PDB file of N, CA and C in Angstrom:
ATOM      1  N   MET A   1     -72.360 110.511 142.040  1.00  0.00           N
ATOM      2  CA  MET A   1     -72.920 110.100 143.320  1.00  0.00           C
ATOM      3  C   MET A   1     -74.436 109.977 143.202  1.00  0.00           C
ATOM      4  N   ARG A   2     -74.959 109.034 143.952  1.00  0.00           N
ATOM      5  CA  ARG A   2     -76.410 108.886 144.041  1.00  0.00           C
ATOM      6  C   ARG A   2     -76.825 109.271 145.453  1.00  0.00           C
ATOM      7  N   VAL A   3     -77.768 110.174 145.541  1.00  0.00           N
ATOM      8  CA  VAL A   3     -78.288 110.600 146.842  1.00  0.00           C
ATOM      9  C   VAL A   3     -79.736 110.143 146.911  1.00  0.00           C
ATOM     10  N   PHE A   4     -80.078 109.425 147.984  1.00  0.00           N
ATOM     11  CA  PHE A   4     -81.415 108.875 148.143  1.00  0.00           C
ATOM     12  C   PHE A   4     -82.241 109.736 149.089  1.00  0.00           C
ATOM     13  N   LYS A   5     -83.578 109.608 148.998  1.00  0.00           N
ATOM     14  CA  LYS A   5     -84.482 110.387 149.846  1.00  0.00           C
ATOM     15  C   LYS A   5     -84.185 110.169 151.327  1.00  0.00           C
ATOM     16  N   THR A   6     -83.630 109.010 151.650  1.00  0.00           N
ATOM     17  CA  THR A   6     -83.329 108.678 153.046  1.00  0.00           C
ATOM     18  C   THR A   6     -82.110 109.437 153.559  1.00  0.00           C
ATOM     19  N   GLY A   7     -81.352 110.026 152.649  1.00  0.00           N
ATOM     20  CA  GLY A   7     -80.112 110.698 153.018  1.00  0.00           C
ATOM     21  C   GLY A   7     -78.879 109.857 152.746  1.00  0.00           C
ATOM     22  N   ALA A   8     -79.101 108.592 152.394  1.00  0.00           N
ATOM     23  CA  ALA A   8     -77.973 107.711 152.084  1.00  0.00           C
ATOM     24  C   ALA A   8     -77.313 108.169 150.779  1.00  0.00           C
ATOM     25  N   ILE A   9     -76.018 108.007 150.724  1.00  0.00           N
ATOM     26  CA  ILE A   9     -75.248 108.397 149.538  1.00  0.00           C
ATOM     27  C   ILE A   9     -74.456 107.181 149.073  1.00  0.00           C
ATOM     28  N   ARG A  10     -74.526 106.935 147.785  1.00  0.00           N
ATOM     29  CA  ARG A  10     -73.774 105.827 147.182  1.00  0.00           C
ATOM     30  C   ARG A  10     -73.092 106.317 145.918  1.00  0.00           C
ATOM     31  N   ASP A  11     -71.991 105.706 145.612  1.00  0.00           N
ATOM     32  CA  ASP A  11     -71.310 105.951 144.346  1.00  0.00           C
ATOM     33  C   ASP A  11     -72.199 105.416 143.219  1.00  0.00           C
ATOM     34  N   THR A  12     -71.955 105.844 142.019  1.00  0.00           N
ATOM     35  CA  THR A  12     -72.724 105.311 140.884  1.00  0.00           C
ATOM     36  C   THR A  12     -72.225 103.911 140.551  1.00  0.00           C
ATOM     37  N   GLU A  13     -72.984 103.199 139.718  1.00  0.00           N
ATOM     38  CA  GLU A  13     -72.587 101.866 139.272  1.00  0.00           C
ATOM     39  C   GLU A  13     -71.765 101.938 137.998  1.00  0.00           C
ATOM     40  N   GLU A  14     -71.582 103.114 137.485  1.00  0.00           N
ATOM     41  CA  GLU A  14     -70.871 103.307 136.219  1.00  0.00           C
ATOM     42  C   GLU A  14     -69.450 102.763 136.283  1.00  0.00           C
ATOM     43  N   GLY A  15     -69.105 101.946 135.291  1.00  0.00           N
ATOM     44  CA  GLY A  15     -67.758 101.392 135.203  1.00  0.00           C
ATOM     45  C   GLY A  15     -67.498 100.197 136.110  1.00  0.00           C
ATOM     46  N   LYS A  16     -68.518  99.741 136.836  1.00  0.00           N
ATOM     47  CA  LYS A  16     -68.348  98.609 137.750  1.00  0.00           C
ATOM     48  C   LYS A  16     -68.870  97.336 137.098  1.00  0.00           C
ATOM     49  N   LEU A  17     -68.247  96.213 137.421  1.00  0.00           N
ATOM     50  CA  LEU A  17     -68.672  94.926 136.869  1.00  0.00           C
ATOM     51  C   LEU A  17     -70.014  94.518 137.473  1.00  0.00           C
ATOM     52  N   ASP A  18     -70.905  94.036 136.642  1.00  0.00           N
ATOM     53  CA  ASP A  18     -72.249  93.650 137.059  1.00  0.00           C
ATOM     54  C   ASP A  18     -72.349  92.129 137.163  1.00  0.00           C
ATOM     55  N   TYR A  19     -71.763  91.574 138.224  1.00  0.00           N
ATOM     56  CA  TYR A  19     -71.781  90.121 138.392  1.00  0.00           C
ATOM     57  C   TYR A  19     -73.212  89.592 138.436  1.00  0.00           C
ATOM     58  N   GLU A  20     -74.100  90.305 139.091  1.00  0.00           N
ATOM     59  CA  GLU A  20     -75.487  89.860 139.212  1.00  0.00           C
ATOM     60  C   GLU A  20     -76.145  89.750 137.844  1.00  0.00           C
ATOM     61  N   GLY A  21     -75.806  90.635 136.951  1.00  0.00           N
ATOM     62  CA  GLY A  21     -76.374  90.590 135.614  1.00  0.00           C
ATOM     63  C   GLY A  21     -75.676  89.610 134.691  1.00  0.00           C
ATOM     64  N   PHE A  22     -74.380  89.433 134.885  1.00  0.00           N
ATOM     65  CA  PHE A  22     -73.597  88.578 133.993  1.00  0.00           C
ATOM     66  C   PHE A  22     -73.758  87.090 134.284  1.00  0.00           C
ATOM     67  N   LEU A  23     -74.095  86.740 135.514  1.00  0.00           N
ATOM     68  CA  LEU A  23     -74.163  85.336 135.908  1.00  0.00           C
ATOM     69  C   LEU A  23     -75.608  84.875 136.081  1.00  0.00           C
ATOM     70  N   SER A  24     -75.839  83.604 135.837  1.00  0.00           N
ATOM     71  CA  SER A  24     -77.164  83.019 136.003  1.00  0.00           C
ATOM     72  C   SER A  24     -77.232  82.268 137.326  1.00  0.00           C
ATOM     73  N   PRO A  25     -78.166  82.634 138.212  1.00  0.00           N
ATOM     74  CA  PRO A  25     -78.275  81.909 139.479  1.00  0.00           C
ATOM     75  C   PRO A  25     -78.670  80.443 139.271  1.00  0.00           C
ATOM     76  N   LEU A  26     -79.434  80.163 138.227  1.00  0.00           N
ATOM     77  CA  LEU A  26     -79.824  78.774 137.944  1.00  0.00           C
ATOM     78  C   LEU A  26     -78.614  77.933 137.559  1.00  0.00           C
ATOM     79  N   VAL A  27     -77.748  78.490 136.722  1.00  0.00           N
ATOM     80  CA  VAL A  27     -76.552  77.762 136.291  1.00  0.00           C
ATOM     81  C   VAL A  27     -75.610  77.575 137.476  1.00  0.00           C
ATOM     82  N   LEU A  28     -75.425  78.613 138.280  1.00  0.00           N
ATOM     83  CA  LEU A  28     -74.534  78.494 139.436  1.00  0.00           C
ATOM     84  C   LEU A  28     -75.055  77.467 140.436  1.00  0.00           C
ATOM     85  N   GLN A  29     -76.372  77.390 140.602  1.00  0.00           N
ATOM     86  CA  GLN A  29     -76.947  76.382 141.488  1.00  0.00           C
ATOM     87  C   GLN A  29     -76.678  74.980 140.961  1.00  0.00           C
ATOM     88  N   GLU A  30     -76.885  74.757 139.672  1.00  0.00           N
ATOM     89  CA  GLU A  30     -76.618  73.447 139.078  1.00  0.00           C
ATOM     90  C   GLU A  30     -75.140  73.089 139.163  1.00  0.00           C
ATOM     91  N   PHE A  31     -74.279  74.092 138.970  1.00  0.00           N
ATOM     92  CA  PHE A  31     -72.846  73.853 139.060  1.00  0.00           C
ATOM     93  C   PHE A  31     -72.466  73.448 140.480  1.00  0.00           C
ATOM     94  N   ALA A  32     -73.023  74.136 141.473  1.00  0.00           N
ATOM     95  CA  ALA A  32     -72.742  73.790 142.876  1.00  0.00           C
ATOM     96  C   ALA A  32     -73.217  72.373 143.196  1.00  0.00           C
ATOM     97  N   LYS A  33     -74.384  71.997 142.679  1.00  0.00           N
ATOM     98  CA  LYS A  33     -74.882  70.630 142.889  1.00  0.00           C
ATOM     99  C   LYS A  33     -73.934  69.616 142.251  1.00  0.00           C
ATOM    100  N   TYR A  34     -73.505  69.900 141.020  1.00  0.00           N
ATOM    101  CA  TYR A  34     -72.581  69.011 140.304  1.00  0.00           C
ATOM    102  C   TYR A  34     -71.277  68.859 141.091  1.00  0.00           C
ATOM    103  N   MET A  35     -70.742  69.985 141.523  1.00  0.00           N
ATOM    104  CA  MET A  35     -69.480  69.945 142.261  1.00  0.00           C
ATOM    105  C   MET A  35     -69.639  69.188 143.579  1.00  0.00           C
ATOM    106  N   ASN A  36     -70.752  69.411 144.269  1.00  0.00           N
ATOM    107  CA  ASN A  36     -70.986  68.733 145.537  1.00  0.00           C
ATOM    108  C   ASN A  36     -71.120  67.228 145.341  1.00  0.00           C
ATOM    109  N   GLU A  37     -71.804  66.815 144.279  1.00  0.00           N
ATOM    110  CA  GLU A  37     -71.956  65.384 143.978  1.00  0.00           C
ATOM    111  C   GLU A  37     -70.617  64.714 143.697  1.00  0.00           C
ATOM    112  N   ASN A  38     -69.662  65.473 143.207  1.00  0.00           N
ATOM    113  CA  ASN A  38     -68.369  64.911 142.821  1.00  0.00           C
ATOM    114  C   ASN A  38     -67.282  65.102 143.883  1.00  0.00           C
ATOM    115  N   ARG A  39     -67.669  65.443 145.093  1.00  0.00           N
ATOM    116  CA  ARG A  39     -66.696  65.613 146.185  1.00  0.00           C
ATOM    117  C   ARG A  39     -66.322  64.292 146.841  1.00  0.00           C
ATOM    118  N   THR A  40     -67.189  63.302 146.760  1.00  0.00           N
ATOM    119  CA  THR A  40     -66.947  62.025 147.432  1.00  0.00           C
ATOM    120  C   THR A  40     -65.941  61.198 146.635  1.00  0.00           C
ATOM    121  N   LEU A  41     -64.891  60.773 147.317  1.00  0.00           N
ATOM    122  CA  LEU A  41     -63.820  59.982 146.704  1.00  0.00           C
ATOM    123  C   LEU A  41     -64.142  58.494 146.795  1.00  0.00           C
ATOM    124  N   PRO A  42     -63.473  57.659 146.007  1.00  0.00           N
ATOM    125  CA  PRO A  42     -63.749  56.213 146.017  1.00  0.00           C
ATOM    126  C   PRO A  42     -63.668  55.573 147.404  1.00  0.00           C
ATOM    127  N   ASP A  43     -62.821  56.119 148.290  1.00  0.00           N
ATOM    128  CA  ASP A  43     -62.701  55.536 149.630  1.00  0.00           C
ATOM    129  C   ASP A  43     -63.768  56.059 150.591  1.00  0.00           C
ATOM    130  N   GLY A  44     -64.677  56.903 150.090  1.00  0.00           N
ATOM    131  CA  GLY A  44     -65.757  57.429 150.916  1.00  0.00           C
ATOM    132  C   GLY A  44     -65.463  58.774 151.567  1.00  0.00           C
ATOM    133  N   SER A  45     -64.212  59.194 151.534  1.00  0.00           N
ATOM    134  CA  SER A  45     -63.878  60.496 152.112  1.00  0.00           C
ATOM    135  C   SER A  45     -64.376  61.607 151.199  1.00  0.00           C
ATOM    136  N   ILE A  46     -64.504  62.797 151.774  1.00  0.00           N
ATOM    137  CA  ILE A  46     -65.014  63.938 151.011  1.00  0.00           C
ATOM    138  C   ILE A  46     -63.940  65.009 150.942  1.00  0.00           C
ATOM    139  N   ARG A  47     -63.602  65.410 149.713  1.00  0.00           N
ATOM    140  CA  ARG A  47     -62.579  66.444 149.535  1.00  0.00           C
ATOM    141  C   ARG A  47     -63.207  67.821 149.754  1.00  0.00           C
ATOM    142  N   ASP A  48     -62.352  68.782 150.100  1.00  0.00           N
ATOM    143  CA  ASP A  48     -62.802  70.153 150.287  1.00  0.00           C
ATOM    144  C   ASP A  48     -63.387  70.683 148.985  1.00  0.00           C
ATOM    145  N   SER A  49     -64.344  71.577 149.095  1.00  0.00           N
ATOM    146  CA  SER A  49     -65.010  72.108 147.903  1.00  0.00           C
ATOM    147  C   SER A  49     -64.049  72.857 146.989  1.00  0.00           C
ATOM    148  N   ASP A  50     -62.995  73.430 147.560  1.00  0.00           N
ATOM    149  CA  ASP A  50     -62.041  74.191 146.740  1.00  0.00           C
ATOM    150  C   ASP A  50     -60.781  73.400 146.401  1.00  0.00           C
ATOM    151  N   ASN A  51     -60.819  72.088 146.594  1.00  0.00           N
ATOM    152  CA  ASN A  51     -59.657  71.238 146.334  1.00  0.00           C
ATOM    153  C   ASN A  51     -59.127  71.394 144.910  1.00  0.00           C
ATOM    154  N   TRP A  52     -60.013  71.547 143.949  1.00  0.00           N
ATOM    155  CA  TRP A  52     -59.622  71.662 142.540  1.00  0.00           C
ATOM    156  C   TRP A  52     -58.748  72.881 142.279  1.00  0.00           C
ATOM    157  N   GLN A  53     -58.847  73.903 143.128  1.00  0.00           N
ATOM    158  CA  GLN A  53     -58.080  75.130 142.922  1.00  0.00           C
ATOM    159  C   GLN A  53     -56.585  74.946 143.197  1.00  0.00           C
ATOM    160  N   LYS A  54     -56.214  73.790 143.711  1.00  0.00           N
ATOM    161  CA  LYS A  54     -54.790  73.481 143.905  1.00  0.00           C
ATOM    162  C   LYS A  54     -54.112  73.173 142.573  1.00  0.00           C
ATOM    163  N   GLY A  55     -54.924  72.874 141.554  1.00  0.00           N
ATOM    164  CA  GLY A  55     -54.371  72.533 140.251  1.00  0.00           C
ATOM    165  C   GLY A  55     -54.026  71.062 140.166  1.00  0.00           C
ATOM    166  N   PHE A  56     -53.681  70.626 138.973  1.00  0.00           N
ATOM    167  CA  PHE A  56     -53.413  69.217 138.706  1.00  0.00           C
ATOM    168  C   PHE A  56     -51.976  68.987 138.257  1.00  0.00           C
ATOM    169  N   GLY A  57     -51.067  69.723 138.870  1.00  0.00           N
ATOM    170  CA  GLY A  57     -49.650  69.522 138.599  1.00  0.00           C
ATOM    171  C   GLY A  57     -49.198  70.050 137.247  1.00  0.00           C
ATOM    172  N   ASP A  58     -48.068  69.532 136.797  1.00  0.00           N
ATOM    173  CA  ASP A  58     -47.459  70.045 135.564  1.00  0.00           C
ATOM    174  C   ASP A  58     -48.257  69.676 134.308  1.00  0.00           C
ATOM    175  N   LYS A  59     -49.229  68.789 134.432  1.00  0.00           N
ATOM    176  CA  LYS A  59     -50.080  68.394 133.303  1.00  0.00           C
ATOM    177  C   LYS A  59     -51.475  69.029 133.408  1.00  0.00           C
ATOM    178  N   HIS A  60     -51.599  70.058 134.247  1.00  0.00           N
ATOM    179  CA  HIS A  60     -52.902  70.661 134.529  1.00  0.00           C
ATOM    180  C   HIS A  60     -53.681  71.011 133.259  1.00  0.00           C
ATOM    181  N   PHE A  61     -53.065  71.786 132.382  1.00  0.00           N
ATOM    182  CA  PHE A  61     -53.776  72.263 131.191  1.00  0.00           C
ATOM    183  C   PHE A  61     -54.140  71.110 130.254  1.00  0.00           C
ATOM    184  N   GLU A  62     -53.247  70.148 130.130  1.00  0.00           N
ATOM    185  CA  GLU A  62     -53.516  68.974 129.289  1.00  0.00           C
ATOM    186  C   GLU A  62     -54.683  68.158 129.855  1.00  0.00           C
ATOM    187  N   ILE A  63     -54.684  67.957 131.172  1.00  0.00           N
ATOM    188  CA  ILE A  63     -55.752  67.196 131.825  1.00  0.00           C
ATOM    189  C   ILE A  63     -57.096  67.885 131.622  1.00  0.00           C
ATOM    190  N   CYS A  64     -57.130  69.192 131.846  1.00  0.00           N
ATOM    191  CA  CYS A  64     -58.376  69.948 131.675  1.00  0.00           C
ATOM    192  C   CYS A  64     -58.837  69.922 130.221  1.00  0.00           C
ATOM    193  N   MET A  65     -57.915  70.092 129.291  1.00  0.00           N
ATOM    194  CA  MET A  65     -58.286  70.136 127.873  1.00  0.00           C
ATOM    195  C   MET A  65     -58.890  68.812 127.421  1.00  0.00           C
ATOM    196  N   LYS A  66     -58.266  67.703 127.807  1.00  0.00           N
ATOM    197  CA  LYS A  66     -58.784  66.398 127.406  1.00  0.00           C
ATOM    198  C   LYS A  66     -60.177  66.160 127.995  1.00  0.00           C
ATOM    199  N   SER A  67     -60.356  66.546 129.256  1.00  0.00           N
ATOM    200  CA  SER A  67     -61.656  66.383 129.891  1.00  0.00           C
ATOM    201  C   SER A  67     -62.693  67.321 129.285  1.00  0.00           C
ATOM    202  N   MET A  68     -62.274  68.558 128.950  1.00  0.00           N
ATOM    203  CA  MET A  68     -63.182  69.497 128.285  1.00  0.00           C
ATOM    204  C   MET A  68     -63.712  68.896 126.987  1.00  0.00           C
ATOM    205  N   PHE A  69     -62.819  68.287 126.208  1.00  0.00           N
ATOM    206  CA  PHE A  69     -63.239  67.699 124.939  1.00  0.00           C
ATOM    207  C   PHE A  69     -64.227  66.559 125.153  1.00  0.00           C
ATOM    208  N   ARG A  70     -64.001  65.727 126.181  1.00  0.00           N
ATOM    209  CA  ARG A  70     -64.931  64.630 126.451  1.00  0.00           C
ATOM    210  C   ARG A  70     -66.310  65.181 126.814  1.00  0.00           C
ATOM    211  N   HIS A  71     -66.336  66.186 127.690  1.00  0.00           N
ATOM    212  CA  HIS A  71     -67.618  66.767 128.087  1.00  0.00           C
ATOM    213  C   HIS A  71     -68.270  67.521 126.929  1.00  0.00           C
ATOM    214  N   PHE A  72     -67.463  68.221 126.133  1.00  0.00           N
ATOM    215  CA  PHE A  72     -68.032  68.897 124.967  1.00  0.00           C
ATOM    216  C   PHE A  72     -68.640  67.884 123.998  1.00  0.00           C
ATOM    217  N   HIS A  73     -67.968  66.769 123.820  1.00  0.00           N
ATOM    218  CA  HIS A  73     -68.495  65.728 122.938  1.00  0.00           C
ATOM    219  C   HIS A  73     -69.851  65.249 123.447  1.00  0.00           C
ATOM    220  N   ASP A  74     -69.979  65.088 124.762  1.00  0.00           N
ATOM    221  CA  ASP A  74     -71.266  64.693 125.338  1.00  0.00           C
ATOM    222  C   ASP A  74     -72.340  65.753 125.095  1.00  0.00           C
ATOM    223  N   VAL A  75     -71.986  67.036 125.264  1.00  0.00           N
ATOM    224  CA  VAL A  75     -72.933  68.115 124.979  1.00  0.00           C
ATOM    225  C   VAL A  75     -73.357  68.049 123.518  1.00  0.00           C
ATOM    226  N   TRP A  76     -72.400  67.877 122.638  1.00  0.00           N
ATOM    227  CA  TRP A  76     -72.665  67.824 121.201  1.00  0.00           C
ATOM    228  C   TRP A  76     -73.570  66.644 120.856  1.00  0.00           C
ATOM    229  N   MET A  77     -73.279  65.490 121.458  1.00  0.00           N
ATOM    230  CA  MET A  77     -74.109  64.302 121.226  1.00  0.00           C
ATOM    231  C   MET A  77     -75.557  64.597 121.624  1.00  0.00           C
ATOM    232  N   GLU A  78     -75.751  65.130 122.814  1.00  0.00           N
ATOM    233  CA  GLU A  78     -77.100  65.445 123.296  1.00  0.00           C
ATOM    234  C   GLU A  78     -77.764  66.481 122.389  1.00  0.00           C
ATOM    235  N   HIS A  79     -76.997  67.472 121.985  1.00  0.00           N
ATOM    236  CA  HIS A  79     -77.511  68.521 121.093  1.00  0.00           C
ATOM    237  C   HIS A  79     -78.014  67.938 119.777  1.00  0.00           C
ATOM    238  N   ARG A  80     -77.337  66.920 119.303  1.00  0.00           N
ATOM    239  CA  ARG A  80     -77.703  66.275 118.038  1.00  0.00           C
ATOM    240  C   ARG A  80     -78.738  65.161 118.227  1.00  0.00           C
ATOM    241  N   GLY A  81     -79.231  65.000 119.457  1.00  0.00           N
ATOM    242  CA  GLY A  81     -80.282  64.017 119.705  1.00  0.00           C
ATOM    243  C   GLY A  81     -79.800  62.623 120.042  1.00  0.00           C
ATOM    244  N   PHE A  82     -78.512  62.485 120.326  1.00  0.00           N
ATOM    245  CA  PHE A  82     -77.956  61.175 120.688  1.00  0.00           C
ATOM    246  C   PHE A  82     -77.755  61.104 122.196  1.00  0.00           C
ATOM    247  N   LYS A  83     -77.688  59.903 122.694  1.00  0.00           N
ATOM    248  CA  LYS A  83     -77.453  59.675 124.117  1.00  0.00           C
ATOM    249  C   LYS A  83     -75.961  59.856 124.421  1.00  0.00           C
ATOM    250  N   SER A  84     -75.665  60.548 125.501  1.00  0.00           N
ATOM    251  CA  SER A  84     -74.270  60.724 125.926  1.00  0.00           C
ATOM    252  C   SER A  84     -74.012  59.869 127.165  1.00  0.00           C
ATOM    253  N   ARG A  85     -72.825  59.993 127.716  1.00  0.00           N
ATOM    254  CA  ARG A  85     -72.439  59.182 128.873  1.00  0.00           C
ATOM    255  C   ARG A  85     -73.326  59.451 130.087  1.00  0.00           C
ATOM    256  N   GLU A  86     -73.572  60.743 130.407  1.00  0.00           N
ATOM    257  CA  GLU A  86     -74.294  61.070 131.638  1.00  0.00           C
ATOM    258  C   GLU A  86     -75.453  62.054 131.450  1.00  0.00           C
ATOM    259  N   GLY A  87     -75.765  62.423 130.221  1.00  0.00           N
ATOM    260  CA  GLY A  87     -76.848  63.358 129.984  1.00  0.00           C
ATOM    261  C   GLY A  87     -76.363  64.797 129.857  1.00  0.00           C
ATOM    262  N   MET A  88     -77.233  65.641 129.358  1.00  0.00           N
ATOM    263  CA  MET A  88     -76.877  67.022 129.047  1.00  0.00           C
ATOM    264  C   MET A  88     -76.471  67.831 130.274  1.00  0.00           C
ATOM    265  N   SER A  89     -77.224  67.743 131.357  1.00  0.00           N
ATOM    266  CA  SER A  89     -76.926  68.559 132.541  1.00  0.00           C
ATOM    267  C   SER A  89     -75.517  68.301 133.065  1.00  0.00           C
ATOM    268  N   LYS A  90     -75.180  67.034 133.251  1.00  0.00           N
ATOM    269  CA  LYS A  90     -73.839  66.704 133.757  1.00  0.00           C
ATOM    270  C   LYS A  90     -72.764  67.033 132.744  1.00  0.00           C
ATOM    271  N   ALA A  91     -73.078  66.878 131.459  1.00  0.00           N
ATOM    272  CA  ALA A  91     -72.105  67.219 130.418  1.00  0.00           C
ATOM    273  C   ALA A  91     -71.797  68.720 130.451  1.00  0.00           C
ATOM    274  N   LEU A  92     -72.840  69.539 130.550  1.00  0.00           N
ATOM    275  CA  LEU A  92     -72.637  70.996 130.611  1.00  0.00           C
ATOM    276  C   LEU A  92     -71.847  71.400 131.856  1.00  0.00           C
ATOM    277  N   MET A  93     -72.199  70.812 132.995  1.00  0.00           N
ATOM    278  CA  MET A  93     -71.508  71.183 134.235  1.00  0.00           C
ATOM    279  C   MET A  93     -70.073  70.656 134.251  1.00  0.00           C
ATOM    280  N   GLY A  94     -69.840  69.491 133.664  1.00  0.00           N
ATOM    281  CA  GLY A  94     -68.476  68.972 133.542  1.00  0.00           C
ATOM    282  C   GLY A  94     -67.630  69.861 132.651  1.00  0.00           C
ATOM    283  N   LEU A  95     -68.221  70.330 131.572  1.00  0.00           N
ATOM    284  CA  LEU A  95     -67.533  71.262 130.689  1.00  0.00           C
ATOM    285  C   LEU A  95     -67.229  72.562 131.427  1.00  0.00           C
ATOM    286  N   MET A  96     -68.223  73.069 132.153  1.00  0.00           N
ATOM    287  CA  MET A  96     -68.030  74.301 132.920  1.00  0.00           C
ATOM    288  C   MET A  96     -66.925  74.132 133.964  1.00  0.00           C
ATOM    289  N   PHE A  97     -66.899  72.974 134.633  1.00  0.00           N
ATOM    290  CA  PHE A  97     -65.845  72.732 135.621  1.00  0.00           C
ATOM    291  C   PHE A  97     -64.468  72.818 134.981  1.00  0.00           C
ATOM    292  N   ASN A  98     -64.307  72.157 133.851  1.00  0.00           N
ATOM    293  CA  ASN A  98     -62.995  72.146 133.213  1.00  0.00           C
ATOM    294  C   ASN A  98     -62.586  73.511 132.690  1.00  0.00           C
ATOM    295  N   VAL A  99     -63.537  74.278 132.188  1.00  0.00           N
ATOM    296  CA  VAL A  99     -63.246  75.655 131.777  1.00  0.00           C
ATOM    297  C   VAL A  99     -62.821  76.464 133.003  1.00  0.00           C
ATOM    298  N   MET A 100     -63.514  76.265 134.126  1.00  0.00           N
ATOM    299  CA  MET A 100     -63.188  76.974 135.364  1.00  0.00           C
ATOM    300  C   MET A 100     -61.792  76.574 135.861  1.00  0.00           C
ATOM    301  N   ALA A 101     -61.505  75.281 135.886  1.00  0.00           N
ATOM    302  CA  ALA A 101     -60.210  74.801 136.380  1.00  0.00           C
ATOM    303  C   ALA A 101     -59.068  75.270 135.478  1.00  0.00           C
ATOM    304  N   TYR A 102     -59.269  75.194 134.173  1.00  0.00           N
ATOM    305  CA  TYR A 102     -58.251  75.662 133.220  1.00  0.00           C
ATOM    306  C   TYR A 102     -58.020  77.160 133.421  1.00  0.00           C
ATOM    307  N   SER A 103     -59.126  77.913 133.454  1.00  0.00           N
ATOM    308  CA  SER A 103     -59.046  79.372 133.587  1.00  0.00           C
ATOM    309  C   SER A 103     -58.412  79.798 134.899  1.00  0.00           C
ATOM    310  N   ASP A 104     -58.748  79.107 135.974  1.00  0.00           N
ATOM    311  CA  ASP A 104     -58.209  79.453 137.295  1.00  0.00           C
ATOM    312  C   ASP A 104     -56.683  79.449 137.272  1.00  0.00           C
ATOM    313  N   GLN A 105     -56.112  78.381 136.730  1.00  0.00           N
ATOM    314  CA  GLN A 105     -54.652  78.294 136.680  1.00  0.00           C
ATOM    315  C   GLN A 105     -54.072  79.252 135.632  1.00  0.00           C
ATOM    316  N   TYR A 106     -54.777  79.445 134.537  1.00  0.00           N
ATOM    317  CA  TYR A 106     -54.325  80.372 133.497  1.00  0.00           C
ATOM    318  C   TYR A 106     -54.187  81.795 134.049  1.00  0.00           C
ATOM    319  N   PHE A 107     -55.203  82.238 134.788  1.00  0.00           N
ATOM    320  CA  PHE A 107     -55.182  83.610 135.301  1.00  0.00           C
ATOM    321  C   PHE A 107     -54.271  83.776 136.513  1.00  0.00           C
ATOM    322  N   LYS A 108     -53.837  82.680 137.107  1.00  0.00           N
ATOM    323  CA  LYS A 108     -52.880  82.751 138.229  1.00  0.00           C
ATOM    324  C   LYS A 108     -51.440  82.910 137.735  1.00  0.00           C
ATOM    325  N   LYS A 109     -51.212  82.652 136.428  1.00  0.00           N
ATOM    326  CA  LYS A 109     -49.856  82.728 135.879  1.00  0.00           C
ATOM    327  C   LYS A 109     -49.340  84.154 135.934  1.00  0.00           C
TER     328      LYS A 109
END
């Protein structure tokens, strides 16, 4: 237990996950921007921000894997000094999206 001069008492942080330390606010901000930019559908409608969490049907893992490879290839191209389809920032966030979408369904199993 932690006891503060004010009299407040809190449990220790020992054994607890440190999300604030493990995650980068800059990366999460860029990811949110990327996701928001990709909410608009060809017909002009806007899908819900959590629409992707519904999964992509029986081909979910295959769809994510193929897209992950395309985005990874773009990251690799940029890393090696070549031009990619949309640049490094979008390539990284696209890769992150696919890892997130793949993982979301994987951990729901």
